[in-house]
Amino acid sequence: MLTLTLAQRDTMVATCIRALPDEGCGLLLGTSHGVVVEVVPSANVAASARVYEIDPKVLLRTFRRADEEGLQVIGVFHSHTHSGAYPSPTDIRQAPDPDWHYVLVSLAVAPADLRSYSVVESEVTEEVIDIDEGTNSCTDD
């Protein structure tokens, strides 16, 4: 299960919309229990509507902050501009960590559809997203 606030969900969706026509993306900073503490938007350095790549500077800075603050990078989010919120074969191949949450934001429908998955040895399992009405933080990088 992934727990996030409505504001964090909105930040992910807004990041993805701003990136159009390319895929939007970013990282999820949180706890080992799947609670998102911060959404960290990133530029898609692949500059593509079909694939995404987190800016290496954002990646490094976020991992450093996680270490300094006793948190973890617990996942990644990105958009699908023309398809549903399900991992593509490329997404599955490139899933770097079996403990991460992979959040997909489909902009092919309105309102945007947001779903979370675990990817372990190419096996995709949808996770429950619990929207907490709290006020955990979001950043705009």
Protein backbone atom coordinates (compact mmCIF):
# COMPACT_ATOMS: atom_id res chain seq x y z
CA MET A 1 0.00 0.00 0.00
CA LEU A 2 1.11 3.54 -0.75
CA THR A 3 -0.10 6.39 1.47
CA LEU A 4 -0.07 9.97 0.22
CA THR A 5 -1.98 13.19 0.66
CA LEU A 6 -4.39 14.75 -1.78
CA ALA A 7 -1.89 17.62 -2.21
CA GLN A 8 0.86 15.13 -3.12
CA ARG A 9 -1.44 13.43 -5.62
CA ASP A 10 -2.27 16.82 -7.12
CA THR A 11 1.45 17.68 -7.33
CA MET A 12 2.14 14.49 -9.30
CA VAL A 13 -0.73 15.19 -11.70
CA ALA A 14 0.26 18.86 -12.13
CA THR A 15 3.90 17.90 -12.76
CA CYS A 16 2.80 15.50 -15.48
CA ILE A 17 0.45 18.02 -17.09
CA ARG A 18 3.18 20.70 -17.12
CA ALA A 19 5.52 18.30 -18.92
CA LEU A 20 3.15 17.78 -21.87
CA PRO A 21 3.64 16.81 -24.62
CA ASP A 22 6.42 14.80 -22.92
CA GLU A 23 6.03 12.39 -20.02
CA GLY A 24 6.32 14.01 -16.60
CA CYS A 25 8.22 12.34 -13.77
CA GLY A 26 9.62 12.59 -10.28
CA LEU A 27 10.58 10.74 -7.13
CA LEU A 28 8.77 9.79 -3.93
CA LEU A 29 10.58 10.41 -0.66
CA GLY A 30 9.12 8.60 2.31
CA THR A 31 9.22 5.85 4.89
CA SER A 32 9.81 2.13 4.58
CA HIS A 33 6.10 1.67 5.38
CA GLY A 34 5.06 3.27 2.07
CA VAL A 35 4.12 6.66 3.46
CA VAL A 36 5.06 9.47 1.08
CA VAL A 37 6.66 12.37 2.94
CA GLU A 38 7.51 14.42 -0.12
CA VAL A 39 6.88 14.40 -3.87
CA VAL A 40 10.00 15.54 -5.72
CA PRO A 41 9.23 16.59 -9.32
CA SER A 42 11.97 16.23 -11.92
CA ALA A 43 12.54 17.30 -15.47
CA ASN A 44 12.24 14.43 -17.92
CA VAL A 45 15.75 14.61 -19.38
CA ALA A 46 14.72 12.09 -22.06
CA ALA A 47 12.40 14.84 -23.39
CA SER A 48 10.05 12.20 -24.80
CA ALA A 49 6.35 11.42 -24.86
CA ARG A 50 7.16 7.69 -24.72
CA VAL A 51 9.91 7.32 -22.07
CA TYR A 52 11.13 9.21 -19.04
CA GLU A 53 14.44 9.73 -17.32
CA ILE A 54 14.80 11.43 -13.94
CA ASP A 55 17.29 14.32 -13.96
CA PRO A 56 20.50 12.86 -12.44
CA LYS A 57 20.94 16.02 -10.31
CA VAL A 58 17.47 15.58 -8.79
CA LEU A 59 18.18 11.88 -8.24
CA LEU A 60 21.47 12.54 -6.43
CA ARG A 61 20.07 15.43 -4.37
CA THR A 62 17.03 13.38 -3.33
CA PHE A 63 19.09 10.35 -2.28
CA ARG A 64 21.39 12.63 -0.25
CA ARG A 65 18.42 14.28 1.47
CA ALA A 66 16.93 10.88 2.24
CA ASP A 67 20.18 9.82 3.93
CA GLU A 68 20.46 13.08 5.87
CA GLU A 69 16.83 13.02 7.04
CA GLY A 70 16.48 9.32 7.80
CA LEU A 71 14.07 8.78 4.93
CA GLN A 72 14.16 6.66 1.78
CA VAL A 73 13.47 7.13 -1.89
CA ILE A 74 10.47 4.80 -2.01
CA GLY A 75 9.41 5.19 -5.59
CA VAL A 76 9.01 7.05 -8.80
CA PHE A 77 6.07 8.52 -10.67
CA HIS A 78 5.65 9.27 -14.34
CA SER A 79 2.89 9.87 -16.83
CA HIS A 80 1.56 8.03 -19.81
CA THR A 81 0.38 10.67 -22.23
CA HIS A 82 -1.57 8.42 -24.60
CA SER A 83 -2.24 5.18 -22.71
CA GLY A 84 -3.62 3.87 -19.46
CA ALA A 85 -2.00 3.90 -16.03
CA TYR A 86 -0.33 0.50 -16.39
CA PRO A 87 3.42 -0.17 -16.72
CA SER A 88 4.62 -0.57 -20.29
CA PRO A 89 7.14 -3.29 -21.20
CA THR A 90 9.83 -0.57 -21.06
CA ASP A 91 8.66 0.52 -17.59
CA ILE A 92 8.85 -3.07 -16.38
CA ARG A 93 12.34 -3.65 -17.84
CA GLN A 94 13.66 -0.43 -16.33
CA ALA A 95 12.14 -0.85 -12.84
CA PRO A 96 15.30 -0.42 -10.73
CA ASP A 97 14.17 -1.54 -7.28
CA PRO A 98 11.74 -4.29 -6.25
CA ASP A 99 10.92 -2.35 -3.06
CA TRP A 100 9.87 0.81 -4.91
CA HIS A 101 6.35 1.99 -5.63
CA TYR A 102 5.82 2.77 -9.33
CA VAL A 103 3.10 5.38 -9.70
CA LEU A 104 1.63 5.93 -13.14
CA VAL A 105 -0.45 8.95 -14.06
CA SER A 106 -2.52 8.46 -17.20
CA LEU A 107 -3.29 11.71 -18.97
CA ALA A 108 -5.18 9.81 -21.69
CA VAL A 109 -8.35 10.24 -19.63
CA ALA A 110 -9.87 13.14 -17.73
CA PRO A 111 -9.57 13.42 -14.86
CA ALA A 112 -6.11 11.89 -14.75
CA ASP A 113 -5.98 8.28 -13.55
CA LEU A 114 -3.30 7.59 -10.91
CA ARG A 115 -2.30 4.03 -9.95
CA SER A 116 0.58 2.43 -8.05
CA TYR A 117 2.35 -0.86 -8.74
CA SER A 118 5.12 -3.03 -7.41
CA VAL A 119 7.40 -4.63 -10.00
CA VAL A 120 9.34 -7.68 -8.81
CA GLU A 121 11.23 -9.80 -11.34
CA SER A 122 8.99 -8.47 -14.14
CA GLU A 123 5.82 -9.35 -12.23
CA VAL A 124 3.50 -6.35 -11.91
CA THR A 125 1.07 -6.08 -8.98
CA GLU A 126 -1.28 -3.15 -8.48
CA GLU A 127 -1.19 -1.61 -5.00
CA VAL A 128 -3.83 0.22 -3.02
CA ILE A 129 -3.30 3.99 -2.80
CA ASP A 130 -4.54 5.45 0.48
CA ILE A 131 -5.23 9.17 0.12
CA ASP A 132 -4.62 10.77 3.53
CA GLU A 133 -6.09 14.22 4.09
CA GLY A 134 -2.91 15.27 5.99
CA THR A 135 -0.43 17.92 4.94
CA ASN A 136 2.81 16.12 4.03
CA SER A 137 5.03 18.22 1.82
CA CYS A 138 5.59 18.62 -1.87
CA THR A 139 8.40 20.48 -3.59
CA ASP A 140 8.71 22.04 -7.01
CA ASP A 141 12.21 21.56 -8.39
